[in-house]
């Protein structure tokens, strides 16, 4: 079935009758000017090389070329077909810590870039590297929430990643166990596909460390790898508030300090048969990428319906061919045709 992706652009077809009208007006004006010099028969004899047929022929070729160009601009489609792409990859669920401590600096300098921003930057780069893999996104604090299920739609994944804001989560805390359990249930049932959970956390203020290790062990038994990206420094820094100032301890009146619990983060990764990397390490992304490459890849098949056959190139080539032909057609008569007599007058 023939159709156009942008049918509204076909209004440019109005240019065709416009140019045809201009042509006839120009020919009419030319005829009137020639009549000032004498009779048309006499004038034509004075211009023996001018062909009366070439100008309308060139007009037809030029208008045909214009029509083809307009069709090409409207992006012509042929038939509709189903297209299946078979890819090999893994499934990755990213669990991002969205507790208030993520507002704190990711370095020992309390004025440094906050942990939330650092996590978004490193994860966006990681998602760009997940060429054929499926990715899901979970955000957690005192509870865990699924932002996007496991998908190969990386554009949506990055969009939701950039929307994460700890201020939007009322139940604060750092319930990593809930995040791992939710990630565990987010994967497909296909045991042939490698699976990994990437935890983004400062591993601080865990409500139930034993529960975290139990959740990690449960995931590991199912062949799910747990990788941990640590955010922050072992040097305690204050937690700035979004509206200014710092988070204060209501009992002591002092600023709440936060630091990366690197030992616990490394223990989680070790128990989950993954690796621990610190986000401040320049090679963190490469190390994480290499670790994901160790997972078994399997065929991930996706079918995309309503794929149209693009005909733009075909119309553009024909239009170009007609324009080239028009260049070589001059207004003069063809000398070798002029010597041929197609019709002979019978002698009496």
Protein backbone atom coordinates (compact mmCIF):
# COMPACT_ATOMS: atom_id res chain seq x y z
CA UNK A 1 0.00 0.00 0.00
CA UNK A 2 1.44 3.34 -1.09
CA UNK A 3 1.35 6.16 1.47
CA UNK A 4 3.29 9.14 2.76
CA UNK A 5 4.88 9.76 6.15
CA UNK A 6 4.24 13.52 5.82
CA UNK A 7 1.16 13.89 3.58
CA UNK A 8 0.73 17.53 4.64
CA UNK A 9 3.84 18.40 2.60
CA UNK A 10 1.97 17.48 -0.59
CA UNK A 11 0.47 20.98 -0.54
CA UNK A 12 3.69 21.91 -2.35
CA UNK A 13 2.05 20.36 -5.44
CA UNK A 14 0.34 23.74 -5.83
CA UNK A 15 3.69 24.94 -7.17
CA UNK A 16 3.17 22.87 -10.33
CA UNK A 17 0.12 24.78 -11.73
CA UNK A 18 1.75 28.00 -10.53
CA UNK A 19 4.90 27.40 -12.60
CA UNK A 20 2.85 26.19 -15.59
CA UNK A 21 0.83 29.41 -15.45
CA UNK A 22 4.05 31.44 -15.26
CA UNK A 23 5.33 29.57 -18.32
CA UNK A 24 2.25 30.35 -20.44
CA UNK A 25 2.26 33.97 -19.30
CA UNK A 26 5.92 34.22 -20.33
CA UNK A 27 5.21 32.63 -23.72
CA UNK A 28 2.28 34.97 -24.24
CA UNK A 29 4.39 38.00 -23.38
CA UNK A 30 7.13 36.74 -25.75
CA UNK A 31 4.61 36.29 -28.57
CA UNK A 32 3.26 39.81 -28.13
CA UNK A 33 6.76 41.30 -28.20
CA UNK A 34 7.66 39.38 -31.38
CA UNK A 35 4.53 40.63 -33.14
CA UNK A 36 5.85 44.16 -32.78
CA UNK A 37 8.64 43.24 -35.19
CA UNK A 38 6.38 41.76 -37.87
CA UNK A 39 4.30 38.76 -38.80
CA UNK A 40 4.93 35.55 -36.88
CA UNK A 41 5.77 33.58 -40.06
CA UNK A 42 8.39 36.11 -41.10
CA UNK A 43 9.87 36.28 -37.57
CA UNK A 44 10.15 32.47 -37.37
CA UNK A 45 12.09 32.42 -40.63
CA UNK A 46 14.54 34.86 -39.03
CA UNK A 47 15.08 32.37 -36.16
CA UNK A 48 15.61 29.06 -37.98
CA UNK A 49 17.48 27.40 -35.09
CA UNK A 50 14.79 28.05 -32.45
CA UNK A 51 12.74 24.93 -31.78
CA UNK A 52 9.03 25.43 -31.08
CA UNK A 53 8.84 22.02 -29.35
CA UNK A 54 11.83 22.15 -26.95
CA UNK A 55 10.41 24.73 -24.45
CA UNK A 56 7.18 22.79 -23.73
CA UNK A 57 9.23 19.55 -23.57
CA UNK A 58 11.58 21.10 -21.02
CA UNK A 59 8.58 22.34 -19.04
CA UNK A 60 7.13 18.82 -18.87
CA UNK A 61 10.47 17.38 -17.73
CA UNK A 62 10.98 20.12 -15.11
CA UNK A 63 7.45 19.77 -13.72
CA UNK A 64 7.81 15.98 -13.58
CA UNK A 65 11.06 16.44 -11.67
CA UNK A 66 9.39 18.91 -9.29
CA UNK A 67 6.55 16.44 -8.62
CA UNK A 68 9.07 13.68 -7.84
CA UNK A 69 10.99 16.00 -5.48
CA UNK A 70 7.75 16.90 -3.65
CA UNK A 71 6.91 13.20 -3.34
CA UNK A 72 10.40 12.55 -1.93
CA UNK A 73 10.02 15.39 0.59
CA UNK A 74 6.70 13.87 1.72
CA UNK A 75 8.63 10.63 2.42
CA UNK A 76 6.83 7.99 0.35
CA UNK A 77 6.24 4.55 1.88
CA UNK A 78 5.66 1.26 0.16
CA UNK A 79 4.18 -1.78 1.85
CA UNK A 80 4.12 -2.58 5.57
CA UNK A 81 6.09 -5.51 6.91
CA UNK A 82 7.04 -7.03 10.26
CA UNK A 83 10.69 -6.81 11.18
CA UNK A 84 12.33 -9.02 13.79
CA UNK A 85 15.66 -8.22 15.37
CA UNK A 86 17.51 -10.92 17.27
CA UNK A 87 19.99 -9.57 19.77
CA UNK A 88 22.28 -11.12 22.35
CA UNK A 89 22.54 -9.49 25.73
CA UNK A 90 21.86 -9.58 29.45
CA UNK A 91 19.33 -8.09 31.87
CA UNK A 92 20.46 -5.36 34.25
CA UNK A 93 18.42 -3.76 37.02
CA UNK A 94 19.85 -0.54 38.43
CA UNK A 95 18.84 0.24 42.01
CA UNK A 96 19.53 3.87 42.94
CA UNK A 97 19.75 5.05 46.54
CA UNK A 98 17.48 8.09 46.96
CA UNK A 99 17.90 8.71 50.67
CA UNK A 100 18.62 12.22 51.95
CA UNK A 101 22.33 11.41 52.34
CA UNK A 102 22.54 11.44 48.52
CA UNK A 103 22.40 15.24 48.72
CA UNK A 104 25.80 15.16 50.44
CA UNK A 105 29.07 15.65 48.60
CA UNK A 106 30.52 12.67 46.75
CA UNK A 107 34.00 13.73 47.88
CA UNK A 108 35.66 14.73 51.15
CA UNK A 109 34.98 18.37 50.22
CA UNK A 110 31.51 19.27 51.50
CA UNK A 111 31.15 21.72 48.60
CA UNK A 112 31.82 19.03 45.99
CA UNK A 113 29.35 17.55 43.51
CA UNK A 114 26.50 15.80 45.33
CA UNK A 115 26.19 12.01 45.27
CA UNK A 116 22.88 12.05 43.42
CA UNK A 117 24.33 13.98 40.50
CA UNK A 118 27.41 11.76 40.42
CA UNK A 119 25.27 8.61 40.34
CA UNK A 120 23.20 9.96 37.43
CA UNK A 121 26.29 10.82 35.41
CA UNK A 122 27.95 7.43 35.82
CA UNK A 123 24.72 5.52 35.19
CA UNK A 124 23.86 7.50 32.07
CA UNK A 125 27.30 6.59 30.68
CA UNK A 126 26.72 2.96 31.66
CA UNK A 127 23.31 2.83 29.94
CA UNK A 128 24.93 4.21 26.78
CA UNK A 129 27.21 1.15 26.81
CA UNK A 130 24.35 -1.35 27.19
CA UNK A 131 24.07 -1.91 23.47
CA UNK A 132 21.81 -4.98 23.22
CA UNK A 133 20.97 -5.45 26.89
CA UNK A 134 17.74 -4.89 28.77
CA UNK A 135 17.72 -2.45 31.65
CA UNK A 136 15.32 -1.76 34.52
CA UNK A 137 15.36 1.03 37.11
CA UNK A 138 14.50 0.93 40.81
CA UNK A 139 14.72 3.74 43.32
CA UNK A 140 14.87 3.07 47.06
CA UNK A 141 15.15 4.76 50.42
CA UNK A 142 13.00 3.48 53.29
CA UNK A 143 11.10 1.51 50.62
CA UNK A 144 11.80 0.42 47.04
CA UNK A 145 9.87 1.55 43.97
CA UNK A 146 10.04 0.42 40.33
CA UNK A 147 10.52 3.40 38.03
CA UNK A 148 10.79 1.40 34.81
CA UNK A 149 10.54 -2.38 34.26
CA UNK A 150 13.23 -4.31 32.41
CA UNK A 151 13.24 -2.96 28.85
CA UNK A 152 15.51 -2.13 25.92
CA UNK A 153 14.09 1.40 25.77
CA UNK A 154 17.24 3.26 26.86
CA UNK A 155 15.75 6.69 26.14
CA UNK A 156 13.00 6.16 28.72
CA UNK A 157 15.49 4.66 31.17
CA UNK A 158 17.70 7.77 31.02
CA UNK A 159 14.67 10.05 31.25
CA UNK A 160 13.46 8.35 34.44
CA UNK A 161 17.00 8.25 35.81
CA UNK A 162 17.30 12.03 35.54
CA UNK A 163 13.94 12.47 37.30
CA UNK A 164 15.09 10.84 40.56
CA UNK A 165 14.95 13.27 43.48
CA UNK A 166 15.26 12.26 47.18
CA UNK A 167 12.90 15.08 48.17
CA UNK A 168 10.06 13.24 46.41
CA UNK A 169 10.41 10.19 48.71
CA UNK A 170 8.70 10.58 52.07
CA UNK A 171 9.78 7.31 53.69
CA UNK A 172 13.50 7.88 54.18
CA UNK A 173 16.15 5.32 55.12
CA UNK A 174 18.37 2.90 53.21
CA UNK A 175 16.51 -0.37 52.71
CA UNK A 176 18.86 -2.16 50.32
CA UNK A 177 17.21 -5.51 51.06
CA UNK A 178 13.89 -4.24 49.68
CA UNK A 179 15.65 -2.97 46.56
CA UNK A 180 17.35 -6.34 45.93
CA UNK A 181 14.12 -8.27 46.46
CA UNK A 182 12.25 -6.00 44.04
CA UNK A 183 15.05 -6.28 41.49
CA UNK A 184 14.99 -10.06 41.89
CA UNK A 185 11.30 -10.14 40.96
CA UNK A 186 11.84 -7.75 38.02
CA UNK A 187 13.89 -10.14 35.90
CA UNK A 188 12.41 -12.46 33.30
CA UNK A 189 12.00 -16.18 34.02
CA UNK A 190 14.53 -17.13 31.34
CA UNK A 191 17.39 -18.86 33.17
CA UNK A 192 19.62 -18.68 30.07
CA UNK A 193 19.95 -14.89 30.28
CA UNK A 194 22.65 -13.39 32.50
CA UNK A 195 21.24 -11.10 35.19
CA UNK A 196 22.84 -8.39 37.31
CA UNK A 197 21.77 -5.86 39.92
CA UNK A 198 23.79 -2.66 40.14
CA UNK A 199 23.40 -1.03 43.55
CA UNK A 200 24.15 2.68 43.75
CA UNK A 201 24.56 3.56 47.43
CA UNK A 202 26.61 5.04 50.23
CA UNK A 203 25.65 1.92 52.30
CA UNK A 204 24.93 4.08 55.32
CA UNK A 205 22.21 3.79 57.96
CA UNK A 206 21.11 0.30 56.93
CA UNK A 207 18.09 -0.69 58.95
CA UNK A 208 18.74 -4.44 58.71
CA UNK A 209 22.23 -5.55 57.65
CA UNK A 210 21.42 -9.21 58.20
CA UNK A 211 18.34 -8.86 55.99
CA UNK A 212 20.51 -7.28 53.28
CA UNK A 213 22.93 -10.20 53.30
CA UNK A 214 20.03 -12.66 53.22
CA UNK A 215 18.55 -10.88 50.20
CA UNK A 216 21.94 -10.88 48.46
CA UNK A 217 22.40 -14.61 49.09
CA UNK A 218 18.90 -15.35 47.78
CA UNK A 219 19.62 -13.42 44.57
CA UNK A 220 23.01 -15.11 44.16
CA UNK A 221 21.39 -18.56 44.38
CA UNK A 222 19.30 -17.60 41.35
CA UNK A 223 22.42 -16.65 39.43
CA UNK A 224 21.89 -12.90 39.85
CA UNK A 225 25.12 -10.95 40.16
CA UNK A 226 25.20 -8.03 42.62
CA UNK A 227 27.55 -5.18 41.73
CA UNK A 228 27.91 -2.16 44.00
CA UNK A 229 28.90 1.40 43.11
CA UNK A 230 29.89 3.30 46.24
CA UNK A 231 29.15 7.02 46.45
CA UNK A 232 30.86 9.40 48.79
CA UNK A 233 34.01 9.50 50.88
CA UNK A 234 34.98 7.78 54.12
CA UNK A 235 35.42 11.31 55.50
CA UNK A 236 32.11 12.46 57.08
CA UNK A 237 30.45 15.44 55.40
CA UNK A 238 27.23 17.32 56.24
CA UNK A 239 23.98 16.82 54.34
CA UNK A 240 22.79 20.05 52.69
CA UNK A 241 19.08 20.76 52.42
CA UNK A 242 17.50 21.54 49.09
CA UNK A 243 16.25 24.93 50.31
CA UNK A 244 19.53 25.90 51.97
CA UNK A 245 21.27 25.10 55.23
CA UNK A 246 22.10 21.63 56.52
CA UNK A 247 20.23 18.70 58.00
CA UNK A 248 20.32 18.99 61.79
CA UNK A 249 20.00 16.41 64.53
CA UNK A 250 16.88 17.43 66.50
CA UNK A 251 18.29 15.92 69.71
CA UNK A 252 21.77 17.42 69.71
CA UNK A 253 21.22 20.42 67.44
CA UNK A 254 24.35 19.49 65.51
CA UNK A 255 24.70 18.90 61.79
CA UNK A 256 24.03 15.37 60.60
CA UNK A 257 27.19 13.90 59.08
CA UNK A 258 27.36 11.14 56.50
CA UNK A 259 30.18 8.95 55.15
CA UNK A 260 30.51 6.05 52.74
CA UNK A 261 30.48 2.65 54.45
CA UNK A 262 32.94 1.13 51.99
CA UNK A 263 33.50 -2.08 53.95
CA UNK A 264 29.80 -2.96 53.95
CA UNK A 265 29.40 -2.05 50.27
CA UNK A 266 32.34 -4.31 49.38
CA UNK A 267 30.89 -7.13 51.50
CA UNK A 268 27.56 -6.92 49.64
CA UNK A 269 29.35 -7.16 46.29
CA UNK A 270 31.50 -10.09 47.44
CA UNK A 271 28.47 -12.00 48.73
CA UNK A 272 26.64 -11.27 45.48
CA UNK A 273 29.57 -12.59 43.36
CA UNK A 274 30.02 -9.17 41.84
CA UNK A 275 32.47 -6.30 42.24
CA UNK A 276 32.61 -3.13 44.27
CA UNK A 277 33.79 0.12 42.67
CA UNK A 278 33.93 3.65 44.00
CA UNK A 279 32.31 6.21 41.72
CA UNK A 280 35.26 8.55 42.22
CA UNK A 281 37.57 6.04 40.53
CA UNK A 282 38.15 7.01 36.89
CA UNK A 283 38.21 3.34 35.91
CA UNK A 284 35.01 2.52 37.81
CA UNK A 285 32.84 2.45 34.69
CA UNK A 286 35.32 0.31 32.73
CA UNK A 287 35.65 -2.17 35.61
CA UNK A 288 31.88 -2.40 35.94
CA UNK A 289 31.52 -2.86 32.19
CA UNK A 290 34.10 -5.68 32.19
CA UNK A 291 32.32 -7.39 35.06
CA UNK A 292 28.99 -7.32 33.21
CA UNK A 293 30.72 -8.85 30.19
CA UNK A 294 31.44 -11.95 32.27
CA UNK A 295 27.73 -12.73 32.41
CA UNK A 296 26.27 -15.26 30.01
CA UNK A 297 24.59 -13.55 27.07
CA UNK A 298 21.54 -15.02 25.41
CA UNK A 299 19.34 -14.22 22.42
CA UNK A 300 16.85 -11.48 23.10
CA UNK A 301 14.27 -11.33 20.31
CA UNK A 302 12.16 -8.25 19.71
CA UNK A 303 9.62 -7.79 16.93
CA UNK A 304 8.80 -4.38 15.52
CA UNK A 305 5.59 -4.19 13.49
CA UNK A 306 4.55 -1.66 10.86
CA UNK A 307 7.94 -1.13 9.32
CA UNK A 308 7.49 0.66 6.00
CA UNK A 309 9.54 0.26 2.85
CA UNK A 310 11.17 3.66 2.31
CA UNK A 311 10.86 4.91 -1.30
CA UNK A 312 12.52 8.30 -0.81
CA UNK A 313 15.74 7.27 -2.58
CA UNK A 314 13.87 5.95 -5.63
CA UNK A 315 11.95 9.20 -6.16
CA UNK A 316 15.06 11.30 -5.52
CA UNK A 317 17.09 9.36 -8.12
CA UNK A 318 14.40 9.74 -10.80
CA UNK A 319 14.10 13.47 -10.05
CA UNK A 320 17.87 13.90 -10.34
CA UNK A 321 17.91 11.98 -13.65
CA UNK A 322 15.22 14.25 -15.11
CA UNK A 323 17.09 17.38 -13.99
CA UNK A 324 20.28 16.14 -15.65
CA UNK A 325 18.29 15.39 -18.82
CA UNK A 326 16.83 18.89 -18.74
CA UNK A 327 20.33 20.40 -18.66
CA UNK A 328 21.24 18.75 -21.96
CA UNK A 329 18.03 19.75 -23.75
CA UNK A 330 18.67 23.13 -25.38
CA UNK A 331 16.14 25.44 -27.00
CA UNK A 332 17.82 25.03 -30.43
CA UNK A 333 16.69 22.55 -33.01
CA UNK A 334 18.52 19.23 -33.29
CA UNK A 335 20.63 19.65 -36.45
CA UNK A 336 20.60 16.03 -37.56
CA UNK A 337 16.83 15.76 -37.12
CA UNK A 338 16.37 18.88 -39.18
CA UNK A 339 17.88 17.06 -42.19
CA UNK A 340 15.33 14.26 -42.04
CA UNK A 341 12.04 14.74 -43.88
CA UNK A 342 9.34 12.75 -42.20
CA UNK A 343 6.54 13.77 -44.52
CA UNK A 344 6.91 14.15 -48.32
CA UNK A 345 4.57 16.15 -50.47
CA UNK A 346 3.16 14.02 -53.27
CA UNK A 347 3.84 15.34 -56.79
CA UNK A 348 0.87 15.97 -58.96
